[in-house]
C-alpha atoms as a PDB file:
ATOM      1  CA  UNK A   1     -83.844  -1.162 -95.825  1.00  0.00           C
ATOM      2  CA  UNK A   2     -82.491   2.381 -96.845  1.00  0.00           C
ATOM      3  CA  UNK A   3     -84.041   5.556 -96.153  1.00  0.00           C
ATOM      4  CA  UNK A   4     -84.578   6.161 -99.817  1.00  0.00           C
ATOM      5  CA  UNK A   5     -87.030   3.025-100.259  1.00  0.00           C
ATOM      6  CA  UNK A   6     -88.686   3.837 -96.918  1.00  0.00           C
ATOM      7  CA  UNK A   7     -89.438   7.290 -98.387  1.00  0.00           C
ATOM      8  CA  UNK A   8     -90.705   5.669-101.567  1.00  0.00           C
ATOM      9  CA  UNK A   9     -92.613   2.925-100.073  1.00  0.00           C
ATOM     10  CA  UNK A  10     -94.417   5.799 -97.793  1.00  0.00           C
ATOM     11  CA  UNK A  11     -94.962   8.006-100.789  1.00  0.00           C
ATOM     12  CA  UNK A  12     -96.174   4.828-102.648  1.00  0.00           C
ATOM     13  CA  UNK A  13     -98.418   4.095 -99.866  1.00  0.00           C
ATOM     14  CA  UNK A  14     -99.846   7.387 -99.474  1.00  0.00           C
ATOM     15  CA  UNK A  15    -100.884   7.491-103.211  1.00  0.00           C
ATOM     16  CA  UNK A  16    -102.572   4.133-102.769  1.00  0.00           C
ATOM     17  CA  UNK A  17    -104.470   5.389 -99.965  1.00  0.00           C
ATOM     18  CA  UNK A  18    -105.482   8.687-101.833  1.00  0.00           C
ATOM     19  CA  UNK A  19    -106.641   6.490-104.685  1.00  0.00           C
ATOM     20  CA  UNK A  20    -108.658   4.392-102.496  1.00  0.00           C
ATOM     21  CA  UNK A  21    -110.563   7.063-100.714  1.00  0.00           C
ATOM     22  CA  UNK A  22    -111.011   8.660-104.180  1.00  0.00           C
ATOM     23  CA  UNK A  23    -112.604   5.607-105.429  1.00  0.00           C
ATOM     24  CA  UNK A  24    -114.909   5.302-102.519  1.00  0.00           C
ATOM     25  CA  UNK A  25    -115.848   9.104-102.749  1.00  0.00           C
ATOM     26  CA  UNK A  26    -116.902   8.297-106.308  1.00  0.00           C
ATOM     27  CA  UNK A  27    -118.877   5.140-105.044  1.00  0.00           C
ATOM     28  CA  UNK A  28    -121.209   7.299-102.280  1.00  0.00           C
ATOM     29  CA  UNK A  29    -121.503   9.696-104.961  1.00  0.00           C
ATOM     30  CA  UNK A  30    -122.844   7.283-107.688  1.00  0.00           C
ATOM     31  CA  UNK A  31    -124.817   5.533-105.117  1.00  0.00           C
ATOM     32  CA  UNK A  32    -127.023   8.941-104.331  1.00  0.00           C
ATOM     33  CA  UNK A  33    -128.694   8.130-108.014  1.00  0.00           C
ATOM     34  CA  UNK A  34    -130.982   5.720-108.019  1.00  0.00           C
ATOM     35  CA  UNK A  35    -130.778   2.927-109.876  1.00  0.00           C
ATOM     36  CA  UNK A  36    -132.417   2.641-113.553  1.00  0.00           C
ATOM     37  CA  UNK A  37    -133.646  -0.607-114.353  1.00  0.00           C
ATOM     38  CA  UNK A  38    -134.986  -1.066-117.769  1.00  0.00           C
ATOM     39  CA  UNK A  39    -136.404  -4.663-118.952  1.00  0.00           C
ATOM     40  CA  UNK A  40    -138.150  -6.059-121.893  1.00  0.00           C
ATOM     41  CA  UNK A  41    -141.642  -7.038-121.330  1.00  0.00           C
ATOM     42  CA  UNK A  42    -142.512 -10.216-123.214  1.00  0.00           C
ATOM     43  CA  UNK A  43    -146.059  -8.996-124.290  1.00  0.00           C
ATOM     44  CA  UNK A  44    -147.530  -9.640-127.763  1.00  0.00           C
ATOM     45  CA  UNK A  45    -151.016  -8.107-128.338  1.00  0.00           C
ATOM     46  CA  UNK A  46    -153.304 -10.327-129.481  1.00  0.00           C
ATOM     47  CA  UNK A  47    -154.763  -7.875-131.915  1.00  0.00           C
ATOM     48  CA  UNK A  48    -153.180  -8.743-135.024  1.00  0.00           C
ATOM     49  CA  UNK A  49    -153.099  -4.831-136.527  1.00  0.00           C
ATOM     50  CA  UNK A  50    -151.250  -3.449-133.230  1.00  0.00           C
ATOM     51  CA  UNK A  51    -147.846  -2.891-135.300  1.00  0.00           C
ATOM     52  CA  UNK A  52    -149.683  -0.860-138.261  1.00  0.00           C
ATOM     53  CA  UNK A  53    -151.529   0.898-135.126  1.00  0.00           C
ATOM     54  CA  UNK A  54    -148.658   1.590-132.672  1.00  0.00           C
ATOM     55  CA  UNK A  55    -145.624   0.870-134.613  1.00  0.00           C
ATOM     56  CA  UNK A  56    -143.336   2.914-136.487  1.00  0.00           C
ATOM     57  CA  UNK A  57    -143.754   6.190-135.085  1.00  0.00           C
ATOM     58  CA  UNK A  58    -140.334   6.570-133.571  1.00  0.00           C
ATOM     59  CA  UNK A  59    -141.271   7.710-130.429  1.00  0.00           C
ATOM     60  CA  UNK A  60    -142.219   6.407-126.563  1.00  0.00           C
ATOM     61  CA  UNK A  61    -145.305   6.859-124.835  1.00  0.00           C
ATOM     62  CA  UNK A  62    -144.996   6.584-121.111  1.00  0.00           C
ATOM     63  CA  UNK A  63    -147.883   4.481-119.316  1.00  0.00           C
ATOM     64  CA  UNK A  64    -147.897   5.258-115.977  1.00  0.00           C
ATOM     65  CA  UNK A  65    -150.690   3.615-114.280  1.00  0.00           C
ATOM     66  CA  UNK A  66    -153.456   0.707-115.250  1.00  0.00           C
ATOM     67  CA  UNK A  67    -156.122   3.368-116.911  1.00  0.00           C
ATOM     68  CA  UNK A  68    -153.200   4.638-119.093  1.00  0.00           C
ATOM     69  CA  UNK A  69    -153.187   1.147-120.087  1.00  0.00           C
ATOM     70  CA  UNK A  70    -156.467   0.358-120.351  1.00  0.00           C
ATOM     71  CA  UNK A  71    -157.632   3.370-122.288  1.00  0.00           C
ATOM     72  CA  UNK A  72    -154.511   2.617-125.201  1.00  0.00           C
ATOM     73  CA  UNK A  73    -155.977  -1.258-125.692  1.00  0.00           C
ATOM     74  CA  UNK A  74    -158.812  -2.194-123.981  1.00  0.00           C
ATOM     75  CA  UNK A  75    -159.487  -3.726-120.477  1.00  0.00           C
ATOM     76  CA  UNK A  76    -159.674  -6.769-122.274  1.00  0.00           C
ATOM     77  CA  UNK A  77    -156.083  -6.733-124.006  1.00  0.00           C
ATOM     78  CA  UNK A  78    -154.314  -4.916-121.486  1.00  0.00           C
ATOM     79  CA  UNK A  79    -154.607  -7.303-118.381  1.00  0.00           C
ATOM     80  CA  UNK A  80    -152.082  -9.503-119.696  1.00  0.00           C
ATOM     81  CA  UNK A  81    -149.764  -6.477-119.870  1.00  0.00           C
ATOM     82  CA  UNK A  82    -150.553  -5.006-116.531  1.00  0.00           C
ATOM     83  CA  UNK A  83    -149.608  -8.588-115.032  1.00  0.00           C
ATOM     84  CA  UNK A  84    -145.763  -7.814-116.166  1.00  0.00           C
ATOM     85  CA  UNK A  85    -145.463  -4.509-114.299  1.00  0.00           C
ATOM     86  CA  UNK A  86    -145.569  -3.110-110.762  1.00  0.00           C
ATOM     87  CA  UNK A  87    -146.814   0.306-111.177  1.00  0.00           C
ATOM     88  CA  UNK A  88    -145.649   1.189-107.584  1.00  0.00           C
ATOM     89  CA  UNK A  89    -141.899   0.752-108.572  1.00  0.00           C
ATOM     90  CA  UNK A  90    -141.921   0.960-112.552  1.00  0.00           C
ATOM     91  CA  UNK A  91    -143.574   2.614-115.685  1.00  0.00           C
ATOM     92  CA  UNK A  92    -144.414   1.064-119.077  1.00  0.00           C
ATOM     93  CA  UNK A  93    -142.444   2.160-121.947  1.00  0.00           C
ATOM     94  CA  UNK A  94    -144.314   1.495-125.182  1.00  0.00           C
ATOM     95  CA  UNK A  95    -141.419   2.134-127.914  1.00  0.00           C
ATOM     96  CA  UNK A  96    -142.767   2.776-131.428  1.00  0.00           C
ATOM     97  CA  UNK A  97    -140.072   2.358-133.997  1.00  0.00           C
ATOM     98  CA  UNK A  98    -139.296   1.347-137.610  1.00  0.00           C
ATOM     99  CA  UNK A  99    -136.307   0.246-139.540  1.00  0.00           C
ATOM    100  CA  UNK A 100    -135.584  -1.310-142.917  1.00  0.00           C
ATOM    101  CA  UNK A 101    -134.106  -4.181-144.341  1.00  0.00           C
ATOM    102  CA  UNK A 102    -132.776  -6.831-144.785  1.00  0.00           C
ATOM    103  CA  UNK A 103    -130.886  -6.918-142.841  1.00  0.00           C
ATOM    104  CA  UNK A 104    -132.633  -5.077-140.545  1.00  0.00           C
ATOM    105  CA  UNK A 105    -131.786  -2.795-137.275  1.00  0.00           C
ATOM    106  CA  UNK A 106    -131.997  -3.553-133.941  1.00  0.00           C
ATOM    107  CA  UNK A 107    -133.825  -1.556-131.148  1.00  0.00           C
ATOM    108  CA  UNK A 108    -131.151  -0.899-128.129  1.00  0.00           C
ATOM    109  CA  UNK A 109    -131.222   1.753-125.216  1.00  0.00           C
ATOM    110  CA  UNK A 110    -128.755   3.597-122.977  1.00  0.00           C
ATOM    111  CA  UNK A 111    -128.609   5.601-119.777  1.00  0.00           C
ATOM    112  CA  UNK A 112    -127.610   9.136-120.165  1.00  0.00           C
ATOM    113  CA  UNK A 113    -126.559  11.407-117.715  1.00  0.00           C
ATOM    114  CA  UNK A 114    -126.650  14.906-118.111  1.00  0.00           C
ATOM    115  CA  UNK A 115    -126.213  17.609-115.563  1.00  0.00           C
ATOM    116  CA  UNK A 116    -127.005  15.027-112.792  1.00  0.00           C
ATOM    117  CA  UNK A 117    -130.182  13.700-114.234  1.00  0.00           C
ATOM    118  CA  UNK A 118    -130.077  10.108-115.823  1.00  0.00           C
ATOM    119  CA  UNK A 119    -132.875   9.064-118.369  1.00  0.00           C
ATOM    120  CA  UNK A 120    -133.154   6.261-121.137  1.00  0.00           C
ATOM    121  CA  UNK A 121    -132.656   6.752-124.586  1.00  0.00           C
ATOM    122  CA  UNK A 122    -134.212   4.305-126.954  1.00  0.00           C
ATOM    123  CA  UNK A 123    -132.438   4.097-130.601  1.00  0.00           C
ATOM    124  CA  UNK A 124    -132.350   1.676-133.501  1.00  0.00           C
ATOM    125  CA  UNK A 125    -128.654   0.379-133.957  1.00  0.00           C
ATOM    126  CA  UNK A 126    -128.325  -0.492-137.911  1.00  0.00           C
ATOM    127  CA  UNK A 127    -126.118  -3.028-139.673  1.00  0.00           C
ATOM    128  CA  UNK A 128    -122.761  -1.921-140.711  1.00  0.00           C
ATOM    129  CA  UNK A 129    -122.152  -1.205-144.163  1.00  0.00           C
ATOM    130  CA  UNK A 130    -125.179  -3.091-145.810  1.00  0.00           C
ATOM    131  CA  UNK A 131    -127.323  -1.421-148.710  1.00  0.00           C
ATOM    132  CA  UNK A 132    -130.866  -1.792-147.147  1.00  0.00           C
ATOM    133  CA  UNK A 133    -134.477  -0.682-148.055  1.00  0.00           C
ATOM    134  CA  UNK A 134    -136.363  -3.341-149.809  1.00  0.00           C
ATOM    135  CA  UNK A 135    -138.636  -3.655-147.106  1.00  0.00           C
ATOM    136  CA  UNK A 136    -139.709  -1.780-143.913  1.00  0.00           C
ATOM    137  CA  UNK A 137    -140.492  -2.945-140.506  1.00  0.00           C
ATOM    138  CA  UNK A 138    -143.405  -1.381-138.261  1.00  0.00           C
ATOM    139  CA  UNK A 139    -142.325  -2.069-134.693  1.00  0.00           C
ATOM    140  CA  UNK A 140    -143.769  -1.421-131.074  1.00  0.00           C
ATOM    141  CA  UNK A 141    -142.119  -3.345-128.151  1.00  0.00           C
ATOM    142  CA  UNK A 142    -142.718  -2.778-124.397  1.00  0.00           C
ATOM    143  CA  UNK A 143    -140.519  -2.336-121.427  1.00  0.00           C
ATOM    144  CA  UNK A 144    -140.915  -2.042-117.676  1.00  0.00           C
ATOM    145  CA  UNK A 145    -138.797   1.268-116.825  1.00  0.00           C
ATOM    146  CA  UNK A 146    -137.967   2.362-113.232  1.00  0.00           C
ATOM    147  CA  UNK A 147    -140.815   4.772-112.004  1.00  0.00           C
ATOM    148  CA  UNK A 148    -139.750   8.383-112.204  1.00  0.00           C
ATOM    149  CA  UNK A 149    -137.252   7.893-115.141  1.00  0.00           C
ATOM    150  CA  UNK A 150    -137.730  10.151-118.330  1.00  0.00           C
ATOM    151  CA  UNK A 151    -137.449   8.397-121.739  1.00  0.00           C
ATOM    152  CA  UNK A 152    -137.146   9.459-125.013  1.00  0.00           C
ATOM    153  CA  UNK A 153    -136.558   8.307-128.385  1.00  0.00           C
ATOM    154  CA  UNK A 154    -133.569   9.016-130.707  1.00  0.00           C
ATOM    155  CA  UNK A 155    -134.563   8.933-134.363  1.00  0.00           C
ATOM    156  CA  UNK A 156    -131.269   8.930-135.696  1.00  0.00           C
ATOM    157  CA  UNK A 157    -130.002   5.063-136.842  1.00  0.00           C
ATOM    158  CA  UNK A 158    -127.072   4.564-135.427  1.00  0.00           C
ATOM    159  CA  UNK A 159    -124.727   1.709-137.050  1.00  0.00           C
ATOM    160  CA  UNK A 160    -122.726  -0.929-135.481  1.00  0.00           C
ATOM    161  CA  UNK A 161    -119.352   1.067-136.092  1.00  0.00           C
ATOM    162  CA  UNK A 162    -120.632   3.834-133.945  1.00  0.00           C
ATOM    163  CA  UNK A 163    -120.880   1.211-131.145  1.00  0.00           C
ATOM    164  CA  UNK A 164    -117.121   0.419-131.847  1.00  0.00           C
ATOM    165  CA  UNK A 165    -116.030   4.028-131.082  1.00  0.00           C
ATOM    166  CA  UNK A 166    -118.252   4.596-128.027  1.00  0.00           C
END
Protein backbone atom coordinates (compact mmCIF):
# COMPACT_ATOMS: atom_id res chain seq x y z
CA UNK A 1 0.00 0.00 0.00
CA UNK A 2 1.32 3.42 -0.86
CA UNK A 3 1.85 6.03 1.82
CA UNK A 4 -0.92 8.31 0.46
CA UNK A 5 -3.38 5.42 0.57
CA UNK A 6 -2.41 4.70 4.18
CA UNK A 7 -2.85 8.35 5.12
CA UNK A 8 -6.26 8.48 3.45
CA UNK A 9 -7.30 5.22 5.11
CA UNK A 10 -6.20 6.50 8.53
CA UNK A 11 -8.07 9.79 8.00
CA UNK A 12 -11.22 7.90 6.97
CA UNK A 13 -10.97 5.63 10.03
CA UNK A 14 -10.58 8.70 12.27
CA UNK A 15 -13.67 10.36 10.77
CA UNK A 16 -15.67 7.18 11.17
CA UNK A 17 -14.63 6.80 14.82
CA UNK A 18 -15.48 10.46 15.47
CA UNK A 19 -18.96 10.07 13.94
CA UNK A 20 -19.63 6.92 15.96
CA UNK A 21 -18.56 8.66 19.18
CA UNK A 22 -20.79 11.67 18.43
CA UNK A 23 -23.77 9.38 17.72
CA UNK A 24 -23.14 7.47 20.96
CA UNK A 25 -23.03 10.72 22.96
CA UNK A 26 -26.27 11.88 21.31
CA UNK A 27 -27.97 8.61 22.27
CA UNK A 28 -26.79 9.01 25.86
CA UNK A 29 -28.17 12.56 25.92
CA UNK A 30 -31.58 11.36 24.69
CA UNK A 31 -31.64 8.48 27.15
CA UNK A 32 -31.74 10.95 30.05
CA UNK A 33 -35.12 12.16 28.80
CA UNK A 34 -37.92 9.85 29.86
CA UNK A 35 -39.92 8.20 27.11
CA UNK A 36 -43.33 9.69 26.54
CA UNK A 37 -46.04 7.23 25.66
CA UNK A 38 -49.43 8.18 24.34
CA UNK A 39 -52.05 5.51 23.70
CA UNK A 40 -55.67 5.82 22.76
CA UNK A 41 -58.01 4.24 25.28
CA UNK A 42 -60.78 2.04 23.90
CA UNK A 43 -63.50 3.55 26.05
CA UNK A 44 -66.98 4.50 24.93
CA UNK A 45 -69.08 6.15 27.65
CA UNK A 46 -72.49 4.62 28.25
CA UNK A 47 -74.00 8.10 28.53
CA UNK A 48 -75.43 8.98 25.09
CA UNK A 49 -75.14 12.70 25.88
CA UNK A 50 -71.43 12.45 26.69
CA UNK A 51 -70.34 13.86 23.30
CA UNK A 52 -72.58 16.91 23.66
CA UNK A 53 -71.46 17.61 27.24
CA UNK A 54 -67.73 17.00 26.81
CA UNK A 55 -67.02 17.21 23.06
CA UNK A 56 -66.18 20.15 20.82
CA UNK A 57 -64.33 22.33 23.34
CA UNK A 58 -60.89 22.16 21.67
CA UNK A 59 -59.02 21.54 24.90
CA UNK A 60 -57.35 18.79 26.91
CA UNK A 61 -58.33 17.93 30.47
CA UNK A 62 -55.76 15.93 32.40
CA UNK A 63 -57.21 13.45 34.89
CA UNK A 64 -54.44 12.52 37.34
CA UNK A 65 -56.16 10.22 39.82
CA UNK A 66 -59.18 8.03 40.40
CA UNK A 67 -61.06 10.83 42.17
CA UNK A 68 -60.74 13.13 39.12
CA UNK A 69 -62.34 10.53 36.86
CA UNK A 70 -65.13 9.68 39.32
CA UNK A 71 -65.88 13.38 39.87
CA UNK A 72 -66.12 14.02 36.12
CA UNK A 73 -68.22 11.00 35.11
CA UNK A 74 -69.67 9.45 38.26
CA UNK A 75 -68.39 6.39 40.06
CA UNK A 76 -70.32 3.82 38.01
CA UNK A 77 -69.37 5.18 34.58
CA UNK A 78 -65.78 5.82 35.63
CA UNK A 79 -64.89 2.23 36.50
CA UNK A 80 -64.51 0.85 32.93
CA UNK A 81 -62.19 3.79 32.15
CA UNK A 82 -60.22 3.35 35.37
CA UNK A 83 -59.62 -0.31 34.48
CA UNK A 84 -57.64 0.82 31.41
CA UNK A 85 -54.92 2.84 33.19
CA UNK A 86 -52.31 2.58 35.92
CA UNK A 87 -52.21 5.96 37.68
CA UNK A 88 -48.79 5.08 39.12
CA UNK A 89 -47.36 5.37 35.58
CA UNK A 90 -49.84 7.38 33.53
CA UNK A 91 -52.58 10.00 33.50
CA UNK A 92 -55.72 10.20 31.41
CA UNK A 93 -55.98 12.96 28.83
CA UNK A 94 -59.56 13.76 27.83
CA UNK A 95 -59.21 15.47 24.45
CA UNK A 96 -62.27 17.49 23.48
CA UNK A 97 -62.24 18.52 19.83
CA UNK A 98 -64.37 19.42 16.84
CA UNK A 99 -64.10 19.13 13.10
CA UNK A 100 -66.28 19.86 10.09
CA UNK A 101 -67.12 17.66 7.16
CA UNK A 102 -67.59 15.79 5.05
CA UNK A 103 -64.80 14.79 4.78
CA UNK A 104 -63.94 15.25 8.44
CA UNK A 105 -60.59 15.88 10.05
CA UNK A 106 -58.92 13.40 12.39
CA UNK A 107 -57.37 13.83 15.82
CA UNK A 108 -53.59 13.39 15.94
CA UNK A 109 -50.77 14.23 18.32
CA UNK A 110 -47.07 15.01 18.30
CA UNK A 111 -44.35 15.14 20.93
CA UNK A 112 -42.61 18.51 20.95
CA UNK A 113 -39.32 19.47 22.54
CA UNK A 114 -38.73 23.06 23.61
CA UNK A 115 -35.73 23.98 25.78
CA UNK A 116 -35.29 20.42 27.09
CA UNK A 117 -38.99 20.17 27.96
CA UNK A 118 -41.01 17.58 26.09
CA UNK A 119 -44.77 17.67 25.90
CA UNK A 120 -47.66 16.25 23.89
CA UNK A 121 -49.65 18.46 21.55
CA UNK A 122 -52.99 17.21 20.22
CA UNK A 123 -54.41 18.74 17.04
CA UNK A 124 -56.90 18.11 14.24
CA UNK A 125 -55.53 17.15 10.82
CA UNK A 126 -57.99 18.18 8.10
CA UNK A 127 -58.21 16.75 4.60
CA UNK A 128 -56.35 18.58 1.87
CA UNK A 129 -58.12 20.74 -0.68
CA UNK A 130 -61.70 19.91 0.18
CA UNK A 131 -64.52 22.34 0.76
CA UNK A 132 -66.12 21.29 4.02
CA UNK A 133 -68.51 22.57 6.59
CA UNK A 134 -71.87 20.95 5.91
CA UNK A 135 -71.86 19.46 9.40
CA UNK A 136 -69.86 19.72 12.59
CA UNK A 137 -68.67 16.75 14.60
CA UNK A 138 -68.11 17.16 18.34
CA UNK A 139 -65.78 14.53 19.77
CA UNK A 140 -64.08 13.62 23.02
CA UNK A 141 -61.42 10.91 23.11
CA UNK A 142 -59.40 9.41 25.93
CA UNK A 143 -55.66 8.80 25.94
CA UNK A 144 -53.25 7.40 28.49
CA UNK A 145 -50.20 9.68 28.72
CA UNK A 146 -47.01 9.10 30.69
CA UNK A 147 -47.28 10.51 34.20
CA UNK A 148 -45.78 13.99 34.55
CA UNK A 149 -46.15 14.79 30.85
CA UNK A 150 -47.58 18.20 29.95
CA UNK A 151 -50.35 18.11 27.35
CA UNK A 152 -51.98 20.82 25.25
CA UNK A 153 -54.35 21.27 22.33
CA UNK A 154 -53.48 23.31 19.23
CA UNK A 155 -56.77 24.87 18.15
CA UNK A 156 -55.57 25.60 14.61
CA UNK A 157 -56.51 22.77 12.26
CA UNK A 158 -53.61 21.53 10.18
CA UNK A 159 -53.97 20.36 6.60
CA UNK A 160 -52.73 17.11 5.06
CA UNK A 161 -50.38 19.28 3.01
CA UNK A 162 -48.67 20.52 6.19
CA UNK A 163 -47.75 16.92 7.09
CA UNK A 164 -45.74 16.58 3.89
CA UNK A 165 -43.73 19.69 4.80
CA UNK A 166 -42.80 18.45 8.29
